[in-house]
Amino acid sequence: MPDEESLDRTVATLILFGVWATIVVAPMFTAADPPPWELQLGTTAVVFLVIGRMWDLEVERVLDGITISTDGGQPRDDDRED
């Protein structure tokens, strides 16, 4: 059973996602003119920041699990065989 706090977070997440979808996504599927890009970008940033904070999603934690290579696919000097 979910506790009261997770139920509140779930409801708040659904409301925020609904507001975001109405502003940003809905004009794609209707004949309505899309809002200015500043409103779309600002709404997206605020909604996903708040949702990330509520559910304790952090970029650093996600990025720690991703290996990024910056060597251009070339072997490093100490890996090369002479």
C-alpha atoms as a PDB file:
ATOM      1  CA  MET A   1       0.000   0.000   0.000  1.00  0.00           C
ATOM      2  CA  PRO A   2       1.362   3.428  -0.833  1.00  0.00           C
ATOM      3  CA  ASP A   3       1.760   5.786   2.060  1.00  0.00           C
ATOM      4  CA  GLU A   4       0.246   9.265   2.206  1.00  0.00           C
ATOM      5  CA  GLU A   5       3.449  10.974   1.044  1.00  0.00           C
ATOM      6  CA  SER A   6       3.861   8.875  -2.093  1.00  0.00           C
ATOM      7  CA  LEU A   7       0.175   9.366  -2.927  1.00  0.00           C
ATOM      8  CA  ASP A   8       0.628  13.141  -2.662  1.00  0.00           C
ATOM      9  CA  ARG A   9       3.731  12.998  -4.856  1.00  0.00           C
ATOM     10  CA  THR A  10       1.928  10.868  -7.414  1.00  0.00           C
ATOM     11  CA  VAL A  11      -1.018  13.262  -7.625  1.00  0.00           C
ATOM     12  CA  ALA A  12       1.290  16.289  -7.859  1.00  0.00           C
ATOM     13  CA  THR A  13       3.339  14.570 -10.573  1.00  0.00           C
ATOM     14  CA  LEU A  14       0.232  13.776 -12.603  1.00  0.00           C
ATOM     15  CA  ILE A  15      -1.001  17.370 -12.293  1.00  0.00           C
ATOM     16  CA  LEU A  16       2.379  18.837 -13.292  1.00  0.00           C
ATOM     17  CA  PHE A  17       2.717  16.417 -16.183  1.00  0.00           C
ATOM     18  CA  GLY A  18      -0.816  17.263 -17.309  1.00  0.00           C
ATOM     19  CA  VAL A  19      -0.063  20.995 -17.278  1.00  0.00           C
ATOM     20  CA  TRP A  20       3.169  20.419 -19.202  1.00  0.00           C
ATOM     21  CA  ALA A  21       1.451  18.196 -21.757  1.00  0.00           C
ATOM     22  CA  THR A  22      -1.340  20.733 -22.244  1.00  0.00           C
ATOM     23  CA  ILE A  23       1.088  23.580 -22.892  1.00  0.00           C
ATOM     24  CA  VAL A  24       3.819  21.812 -24.848  1.00  0.00           C
ATOM     25  CA  VAL A  25       2.433  18.654 -26.445  1.00  0.00           C
ATOM     26  CA  ALA A  26      -1.264  19.365 -27.042  1.00  0.00           C
ATOM     27  CA  PRO A  27      -0.764  22.031 -29.746  1.00  0.00           C
ATOM     28  CA  MET A  28       0.985  19.390 -31.876  1.00  0.00           C
ATOM     29  CA  PHE A  29      -2.213  17.367 -32.088  1.00  0.00           C
ATOM     30  CA  THR A  30      -4.737  20.193 -32.380  1.00  0.00           C
ATOM     31  CA  ALA A  31      -5.202  23.156 -34.664  1.00  0.00           C
ATOM     32  CA  ALA A  32      -4.073  25.521 -31.902  1.00  0.00           C
ATOM     33  CA  ASP A  33      -1.068  27.763 -32.378  1.00  0.00           C
ATOM     34  CA  PRO A  34       1.880  26.638 -30.267  1.00  0.00           C
ATOM     35  CA  PRO A  35       2.903  28.906 -27.416  1.00  0.00           C
ATOM     36  CA  PRO A  36       6.159  30.869 -27.684  1.00  0.00           C
ATOM     37  CA  TRP A  37       9.288  28.778 -27.344  1.00  0.00           C
ATOM     38  CA  GLU A  38      10.231  30.622 -24.151  1.00  0.00           C
ATOM     39  CA  LEU A  39       7.046  29.395 -22.472  1.00  0.00           C
ATOM     40  CA  GLN A  40       7.589  25.846 -23.724  1.00  0.00           C
ATOM     41  CA  LEU A  41      11.206  25.759 -22.561  1.00  0.00           C
ATOM     42  CA  GLY A  42      10.452  27.393 -19.216  1.00  0.00           C
ATOM     43  CA  THR A  43       7.504  25.125 -18.500  1.00  0.00           C
ATOM     44  CA  THR A  44       9.512  22.036 -19.420  1.00  0.00           C
ATOM     45  CA  ALA A  45      12.431  23.063 -17.213  1.00  0.00           C
ATOM     46  CA  VAL A  46      10.309  23.899 -14.178  1.00  0.00           C
ATOM     47  CA  VAL A  47       8.074  20.831 -14.404  1.00  0.00           C
ATOM     48  CA  PHE A  48      10.901  18.346 -14.832  1.00  0.00           C
ATOM     49  CA  LEU A  49      12.985  20.051 -12.140  1.00  0.00           C
ATOM     50  CA  VAL A  50      10.120  19.819  -9.655  1.00  0.00           C
ATOM     51  CA  ILE A  51       9.322  16.223 -10.606  1.00  0.00           C
ATOM     52  CA  GLY A  52      13.009  15.301 -10.311  1.00  0.00           C
ATOM     53  CA  ARG A  53      13.217  16.838  -6.852  1.00  0.00           C
ATOM     54  CA  MET A  54      10.008  15.175  -5.672  1.00  0.00           C
ATOM     55  CA  TRP A  55      11.154  11.714  -6.777  1.00  0.00           C
ATOM     56  CA  ASP A  56      14.827  12.266  -5.839  1.00  0.00           C
ATOM     57  CA  LEU A  57      16.139  11.942  -9.393  1.00  0.00           C
ATOM     58  CA  GLU A  58      19.555  13.507  -9.748  1.00  0.00           C
ATOM     59  CA  VAL A  59      21.570  13.956 -12.916  1.00  0.00           C
ATOM     60  CA  GLU A  60      24.837  13.175 -11.149  1.00  0.00           C
ATOM     61  CA  ARG A  61      23.564   9.779 -10.080  1.00  0.00           C
ATOM     62  CA  VAL A  62      22.429   8.964 -13.614  1.00  0.00           C
ATOM     63  CA  LEU A  63      25.654  10.213 -15.173  1.00  0.00           C
ATOM     64  CA  ASP A  64      27.776   8.147 -12.785  1.00  0.00           C
ATOM     65  CA  GLY A  65      26.376   5.024 -14.422  1.00  0.00           C
ATOM     66  CA  ILE A  66      27.298   6.151 -17.950  1.00  0.00           C
ATOM     67  CA  THR A  67      30.795   5.607 -19.327  1.00  0.00           C
ATOM     68  CA  ILE A  68      31.847   8.307 -21.747  1.00  0.00           C
ATOM     69  CA  SER A  69      34.977   7.847 -23.822  1.00  0.00           C
ATOM     70  CA  THR A  70      36.723  10.953 -25.121  1.00  0.00           C
ATOM     71  CA  ASP A  71      39.692   9.293 -26.809  1.00  0.00           C
ATOM     72  CA  GLY A  72      38.066   9.232 -30.260  1.00  0.00           C
ATOM     73  CA  GLY A  73      38.167   5.466 -30.402  1.00  0.00           C
ATOM     74  CA  GLN A  74      41.965   5.419 -30.502  1.00  0.00           C
ATOM     75  CA  PRO A  75      43.885   3.284 -28.036  1.00  0.00           C
ATOM     76  CA  ARG A  76      45.687   5.142 -25.327  1.00  0.00           C
ATOM     77  CA  ASP A  77      49.486   5.317 -25.335  1.00  0.00           C
ATOM     78  CA  ASP A  78      49.834   2.795 -22.535  1.00  0.00           C
ATOM     79  CA  ASP A  79      47.462   0.393 -24.318  1.00  0.00           C
ATOM     80  CA  ARG A  80      49.375   0.381 -27.604  1.00  0.00           C
ATOM     81  CA  GLU A  81      51.550  -2.519 -28.530  1.00  0.00           C
ATOM     82  CA  ASP A  82      54.938  -1.608 -29.965  1.00  0.00           C
END
